[in-house]
N, C-alpha and C. Protein backbone atom coordinates (compact mmCIF):
# COMPACT_ATOMS: atom_id res chain seq x y z
N UNK A 1 128.46 57.10 24.36
CA UNK A 1 128.07 58.00 25.59
C UNK A 1 128.56 59.44 25.03
N UNK A 2 127.82 60.50 25.36
CA UNK A 2 128.32 61.91 25.03
C UNK A 2 129.35 62.40 26.02
N UNK A 3 130.38 62.98 25.61
CA UNK A 3 131.52 63.36 26.46
C UNK A 3 130.87 64.15 27.75
N UNK A 4 129.90 64.99 27.44
CA UNK A 4 129.31 65.84 28.58
C UNK A 4 128.83 64.90 29.55
N UNK A 5 128.04 63.74 29.23
CA UNK A 5 127.53 62.90 30.12
C UNK A 5 128.61 61.88 30.76
N UNK A 6 129.55 61.77 30.24
CA UNK A 6 130.60 60.93 30.81
C UNK A 6 131.40 61.79 31.74
N UNK A 7 131.57 63.02 31.56
CA UNK A 7 132.22 63.86 32.63
C UNK A 7 131.33 63.92 33.84
N UNK A 8 129.98 64.12 33.61
CA UNK A 8 128.97 64.11 34.76
C UNK A 8 129.02 62.88 35.53
N UNK A 9 129.13 61.53 34.85
CA UNK A 9 129.26 60.44 35.62
C UNK A 9 130.63 60.56 36.36
N UNK A 10 131.69 60.84 35.69
CA UNK A 10 132.96 60.68 36.34
C UNK A 10 133.05 61.63 37.63
N UNK A 11 132.71 62.97 37.56
CA UNK A 11 132.72 63.87 38.56
C UNK A 11 131.76 63.40 39.63
N UNK A 12 130.67 63.18 39.17
CA UNK A 12 129.46 62.80 40.19
C UNK A 12 130.02 61.54 41.04
N UNK A 13 130.61 60.60 40.36
CA UNK A 13 131.22 59.43 41.02
C UNK A 13 132.29 59.81 41.96
N UNK A 14 133.21 60.65 41.40
CA UNK A 14 134.19 61.14 42.54
C UNK A 14 133.54 61.80 43.71
N UNK A 15 132.75 62.59 43.35
CA UNK A 15 131.98 63.38 44.68
C UNK A 15 131.36 62.17 45.62
N UNK A 16 130.45 61.39 44.94
CA UNK A 16 130.01 60.36 45.84
C UNK A 16 130.97 59.41 46.42
N UNK A 17 132.11 59.02 45.82
CA UNK A 17 132.89 58.24 46.45
C UNK A 17 133.70 58.73 47.45
N UNK A 18 134.15 60.34 47.21
CA UNK A 18 134.69 61.15 48.36
C UNK A 18 133.79 61.09 49.53
N UNK A 19 132.55 61.50 49.28
CA UNK A 19 131.76 61.60 50.49
C UNK A 19 131.45 60.17 51.23
N UNK A 20 131.45 59.06 50.56
CA UNK A 20 131.26 57.89 50.89
C UNK A 20 132.51 57.39 51.94
N UNK A 21 133.53 57.44 51.12
CA UNK A 21 134.89 57.18 51.88
C UNK A 21 135.22 58.13 53.25
N UNK A 22 134.74 59.43 53.06
CA UNK A 22 135.05 60.27 54.11
C UNK A 22 134.04 60.04 55.32
N UNK A 23 132.88 59.53 55.01
CA UNK A 23 131.81 59.02 56.13
C UNK A 23 132.41 57.81 56.76
N UNK A 24 132.86 56.86 55.87
CA UNK A 24 133.21 55.71 56.40
C UNK A 24 134.42 55.76 57.29
N UNK A 25 135.27 56.61 56.69
CA UNK A 25 136.65 56.77 57.66
C UNK A 25 136.20 57.66 58.96
N UNK A 26 135.36 58.42 58.81
CA UNK A 26 135.10 59.07 59.99
C UNK A 26 134.39 58.32 61.20
N UNK A 27 133.56 57.21 60.61
CA UNK A 27 132.87 56.53 61.62
C UNK A 27 133.88 55.40 62.07
N UNK A 28 134.91 54.95 61.17
CA UNK A 28 135.84 54.16 61.81
C UNK A 28 136.76 54.75 62.81
N UNK A 29 137.16 55.91 62.67
CA UNK A 29 138.07 56.62 63.50
C UNK A 29 138.02 58.07 63.15
N UNK A 30 137.59 58.61 64.23
CA UNK A 30 137.56 60.20 64.05
C UNK A 30 138.83 60.92 63.65
N UNK A 31 138.98 61.80 62.81
CA UNK A 31 140.33 62.31 62.34
C UNK A 31 141.11 62.87 63.49
N UNK A 32 140.40 63.39 64.67
CA UNK A 32 141.37 63.86 65.72
C UNK A 32 142.22 62.67 66.35
N UNK A 33 141.68 61.44 66.20
CA UNK A 33 142.33 60.57 66.81
C UNK A 33 143.43 59.70 66.05
N UNK A 34 143.49 60.16 64.67
CA UNK A 34 144.67 59.61 63.90
C UNK A 34 145.92 60.03 64.09
N UNK A 35 146.77 59.23 64.22
CA UNK A 35 148.36 59.42 64.84
C UNK A 35 149.17 59.44 63.62
N UNK A 36 148.85 59.56 62.35
CA UNK A 36 149.70 59.71 61.26
C UNK A 36 150.83 60.74 61.37
N UNK A 37 150.58 61.93 61.84
CA UNK A 37 151.69 62.93 62.03
C UNK A 37 152.67 62.99 63.30
N UNK A 38 152.23 61.86 64.07
CA UNK A 38 153.00 61.96 65.40
C UNK A 38 153.63 60.67 65.48
N UNK A 39 153.39 59.50 64.67
CA UNK A 39 153.88 58.27 64.66
C UNK A 39 155.00 58.25 63.63
N UNK A 40 156.18 57.84 63.76
CA UNK A 40 157.40 57.99 63.00
C UNK A 40 157.00 57.02 61.67
N UNK A 41 156.53 56.09 61.66
CA UNK A 41 156.51 55.28 60.38
C UNK A 41 155.42 55.83 59.59
N UNK A 42 154.50 56.61 60.01
CA UNK A 42 153.39 57.11 59.28
C UNK A 42 153.89 58.59 58.59
N UNK A 43 154.61 59.20 59.32
CA UNK A 43 155.07 60.69 59.25
C UNK A 43 155.38 61.03 57.86
N UNK A 44 156.20 60.30 57.19
CA UNK A 44 156.86 60.78 55.84
C UNK A 44 155.70 60.41 54.78
N UNK A 45 155.07 59.51 54.77
CA UNK A 45 154.09 59.22 53.93
C UNK A 45 152.90 60.17 53.94
N UNK A 46 152.62 60.45 55.15
CA UNK A 46 151.58 61.43 55.56
C UNK A 46 151.89 62.75 54.84
N UNK A 47 153.20 63.22 54.97
CA UNK A 47 153.51 64.53 54.52
C UNK A 47 153.62 64.43 52.98
N UNK A 48 154.21 63.43 52.43
CA UNK A 48 154.19 63.26 50.81
C UNK A 48 152.87 63.15 50.32
N UNK A 49 151.85 62.67 50.94
CA UNK A 49 150.56 62.56 50.54
C UNK A 49 149.92 63.81 50.55
N UNK A 50 150.10 64.65 51.72
CA UNK A 50 149.39 66.05 51.77
C UNK A 50 150.10 66.83 50.70
N UNK A 51 151.43 66.75 50.38
CA UNK A 51 152.08 67.73 49.33
C UNK A 51 151.45 67.31 48.01
N UNK A 52 151.24 65.96 47.75
CA UNK A 52 150.53 65.34 46.59
C UNK A 52 149.15 66.24 46.46
N UNK A 53 148.50 65.73 47.41
CA UNK A 53 146.97 66.34 47.28
C UNK A 53 147.04 67.83 47.10
N UNK A 54 147.74 68.62 47.87
CA UNK A 54 147.40 70.13 47.75
C UNK A 54 148.26 70.55 46.37
N UNK A 55 149.23 69.83 45.76
CA UNK A 55 149.72 70.13 44.54
C UNK A 55 148.67 69.81 43.58
N UNK A 56 147.78 68.75 43.64
CA UNK A 56 146.81 68.62 42.80
C UNK A 56 145.61 69.87 42.98
N UNK A 57 145.29 70.10 44.07
CA UNK A 57 144.36 71.23 44.39
C UNK A 57 144.77 72.54 43.69
N UNK A 58 146.12 72.80 43.96
CA UNK A 58 146.61 74.13 43.30
C UNK A 58 146.53 74.17 41.65
N UNK A 59 146.79 72.79 41.29
CA UNK A 59 146.87 72.75 39.86
C UNK A 59 145.52 72.83 39.16
N UNK A 60 144.50 72.32 39.99
CA UNK A 60 143.09 72.58 39.50
C UNK A 60 142.57 73.99 39.59
N UNK A 61 143.03 74.62 40.85
CA UNK A 61 142.73 76.00 41.00
C UNK A 61 143.16 76.80 40.06
N UNK A 62 144.25 76.61 39.49
CA UNK A 62 144.80 77.44 38.33
C UNK A 62 143.72 77.53 37.31
N UNK A 63 143.11 76.53 36.84
CA UNK A 63 142.08 76.56 35.87
C UNK A 63 140.87 77.28 36.65
N UNK A 64 140.53 77.02 37.63
CA UNK A 64 139.31 77.73 38.27
C UNK A 64 139.65 79.37 38.23
N UNK A 65 140.78 79.65 38.55
CA UNK A 65 141.26 81.13 38.53
C UNK A 65 140.92 81.57 37.07
N UNK A 66 141.38 80.88 36.01
CA UNK A 66 141.17 81.34 34.61
C UNK A 66 139.71 81.56 34.44
N UNK A 67 138.79 80.74 34.92
CA UNK A 67 137.45 80.74 34.57
C UNK A 67 136.51 81.75 35.24
N UNK A 68 137.00 81.86 36.59
CA UNK A 68 135.96 82.67 37.50
C UNK A 68 136.33 84.20 37.58
N UNK A 69 135.32 84.94 38.01
CA UNK A 69 135.59 86.43 38.19
C UNK A 69 136.18 86.50 39.80
N UNK A 70 136.69 87.69 39.94
CA UNK A 70 137.44 87.75 41.37
C UNK A 70 136.57 87.25 42.51
N UNK A 71 135.50 87.55 42.67
CA UNK A 71 134.64 87.06 43.99
C UNK A 71 134.67 85.54 43.90
N UNK A 72 134.34 85.02 42.90
CA UNK A 72 134.29 83.51 42.83
C UNK A 72 135.51 82.86 42.92
N UNK A 73 136.65 83.37 42.51
CA UNK A 73 138.02 82.83 42.75
C UNK A 73 138.17 82.74 44.31
N UNK A 74 137.94 83.64 44.99
CA UNK A 74 138.23 83.73 46.46
C UNK A 74 137.37 82.50 47.00
N UNK A 75 136.13 82.43 46.79
CA UNK A 75 135.32 81.43 47.40
C UNK A 75 135.76 80.10 47.05
N UNK A 76 135.98 79.80 45.65
CA UNK A 76 136.32 78.51 45.24
C UNK A 76 138.01 78.15 45.71
N UNK A 77 138.74 79.26 45.96
CA UNK A 77 140.06 78.80 46.37
C UNK A 77 139.98 78.31 47.93
N UNK A 78 139.05 78.84 48.56
CA UNK A 78 138.94 78.54 50.14
C UNK A 78 138.13 77.10 50.01
N UNK A 79 137.29 76.81 49.20
CA UNK A 79 136.65 75.48 49.17
C UNK A 79 137.50 74.41 48.81
N UNK A 80 138.38 74.68 47.81
CA UNK A 80 139.20 73.75 47.30
C UNK A 80 140.14 73.39 48.40
N UNK A 81 140.81 74.33 48.87
CA UNK A 81 141.90 74.10 49.87
C UNK A 81 141.30 73.57 51.13
N UNK A 82 139.92 73.52 51.43
CA UNK A 82 139.54 73.12 52.76
C UNK A 82 138.94 71.62 52.55
N UNK A 83 138.15 71.54 51.15
CA UNK A 83 137.36 70.39 51.01
C UNK A 83 138.16 69.52 49.88
N UNK A 84 139.05 70.01 49.21
CA UNK A 84 139.75 69.36 48.23
C UNK A 84 139.03 68.78 47.09
N UNK A 85 138.89 67.41 46.97
CA UNK A 85 138.24 66.73 45.81
C UNK A 85 136.69 67.01 45.99
N UNK A 86 136.18 66.98 47.07
CA UNK A 86 134.68 67.32 47.27
C UNK A 86 134.43 68.64 46.50
N UNK A 87 135.00 69.73 46.75
CA UNK A 87 134.91 70.88 45.99
C UNK A 87 135.21 70.97 44.56
N UNK A 88 136.28 70.18 44.11
CA UNK A 88 136.68 70.04 42.92
C UNK A 88 135.58 69.30 42.00
N UNK A 89 135.08 68.19 42.64
CA UNK A 89 134.11 67.53 41.77
C UNK A 89 132.96 68.34 41.56
N UNK A 90 132.48 69.18 42.74
CA UNK A 90 131.25 70.05 42.79
C UNK A 90 131.49 71.19 41.71
N UNK A 91 132.73 71.82 41.60
CA UNK A 91 132.93 72.72 40.52
C UNK A 91 132.72 72.15 39.21
N UNK A 92 133.18 70.83 39.00
CA UNK A 92 132.94 70.39 37.52
C UNK A 92 131.65 69.99 37.35
N UNK A 93 130.83 69.58 38.28
CA UNK A 93 129.37 69.31 38.15
C UNK A 93 128.66 70.65 37.77
N UNK A 94 129.15 71.66 38.57
CA UNK A 94 128.33 72.91 38.32
C UNK A 94 128.65 73.48 36.70
N UNK A 95 129.95 73.32 36.42
CA UNK A 95 130.34 73.85 35.13
C UNK A 95 129.89 73.08 34.08
N UNK A 96 129.66 71.61 34.19
CA UNK A 96 128.95 70.85 33.21
C UNK A 96 127.48 71.14 32.98
N UNK A 97 126.78 71.38 34.23
CA UNK A 97 125.49 71.86 34.32
C UNK A 97 125.16 73.25 33.49
N UNK A 98 126.19 74.00 33.51
CA UNK A 98 125.95 75.35 32.83
C UNK A 98 126.15 75.20 31.30
N UNK A 99 126.72 74.05 30.84
CA UNK A 99 126.92 73.89 29.35
C UNK A 99 125.61 73.80 28.78
N UNK A 100 125.22 74.44 27.54
CA UNK A 100 123.98 74.06 26.81
C UNK A 100 124.00 72.55 26.43
N UNK A 101 122.82 72.13 26.17
CA UNK A 101 122.67 70.52 25.77
C UNK A 101 123.36 70.41 24.56
N UNK A 102 123.45 71.32 23.51
CA UNK A 102 124.27 71.14 22.32
C UNK A 102 125.74 71.69 22.29
N UNK A 103 125.98 72.48 23.43
CA UNK A 103 127.34 73.08 23.22
C UNK A 103 128.55 72.00 23.32
N UNK A 104 129.63 72.29 22.73
CA UNK A 104 130.65 71.35 22.46
C UNK A 104 131.40 71.14 23.96
N UNK A 105 131.87 69.98 24.15
CA UNK A 105 132.56 69.76 25.53
C UNK A 105 133.92 70.56 25.66
N UNK A 106 134.27 70.90 24.51
CA UNK A 106 135.65 71.98 24.43
C UNK A 106 135.27 72.98 25.14
N UNK A 107 134.22 73.69 24.94
CA UNK A 107 133.69 75.04 25.66
C UNK A 107 133.75 74.94 27.28
N UNK A 108 133.83 73.78 27.97
CA UNK A 108 134.05 73.78 29.27
C UNK A 108 135.41 74.09 29.64
N UNK A 109 136.53 74.02 28.84
CA UNK A 109 137.85 74.35 28.93
C UNK A 109 137.94 76.01 28.93
N UNK A 110 137.11 76.66 28.24
CA UNK A 110 137.41 78.10 27.89
C UNK A 110 136.71 78.88 29.11
N UNK A 111 137.14 80.18 29.01
CA UNK A 111 136.42 81.12 30.02
C UNK A 111 134.98 81.31 29.56
N UNK A 112 133.98 81.31 30.66
CA UNK A 112 132.71 81.49 30.06
C UNK A 112 132.51 82.99 29.63
N UNK A 113 131.40 83.04 28.87
CA UNK A 113 131.05 84.28 28.38
C UNK A 113 130.47 85.28 29.45
N UNK A 114 130.77 86.62 29.57
CA UNK A 114 130.11 87.32 30.59
C UNK A 114 128.70 87.52 30.62
């Protein structure tokens, strides 16, 4: 399997999995009824998980910042901070789609040509 196709499958799978689990969790319990931040036993792990998630979001955004023009940087920052892995998988799928069929996968990590 070509690296480009493997990355499409990976990030497409992440996007679909995140959509599925978010929908399932929303049907099981609305987010506004979750007591993780107010119940003692849940609080520490809730905070640790949020720190971990947003640390990952910011790490990914550093790469997005490198690749995008100023207007795009703002939009992707908002999207990543609000939607997390949904926005990140969408960004990767967009970047992969913009690669030419014969372009090397290494081109994905470089700044796009103007």
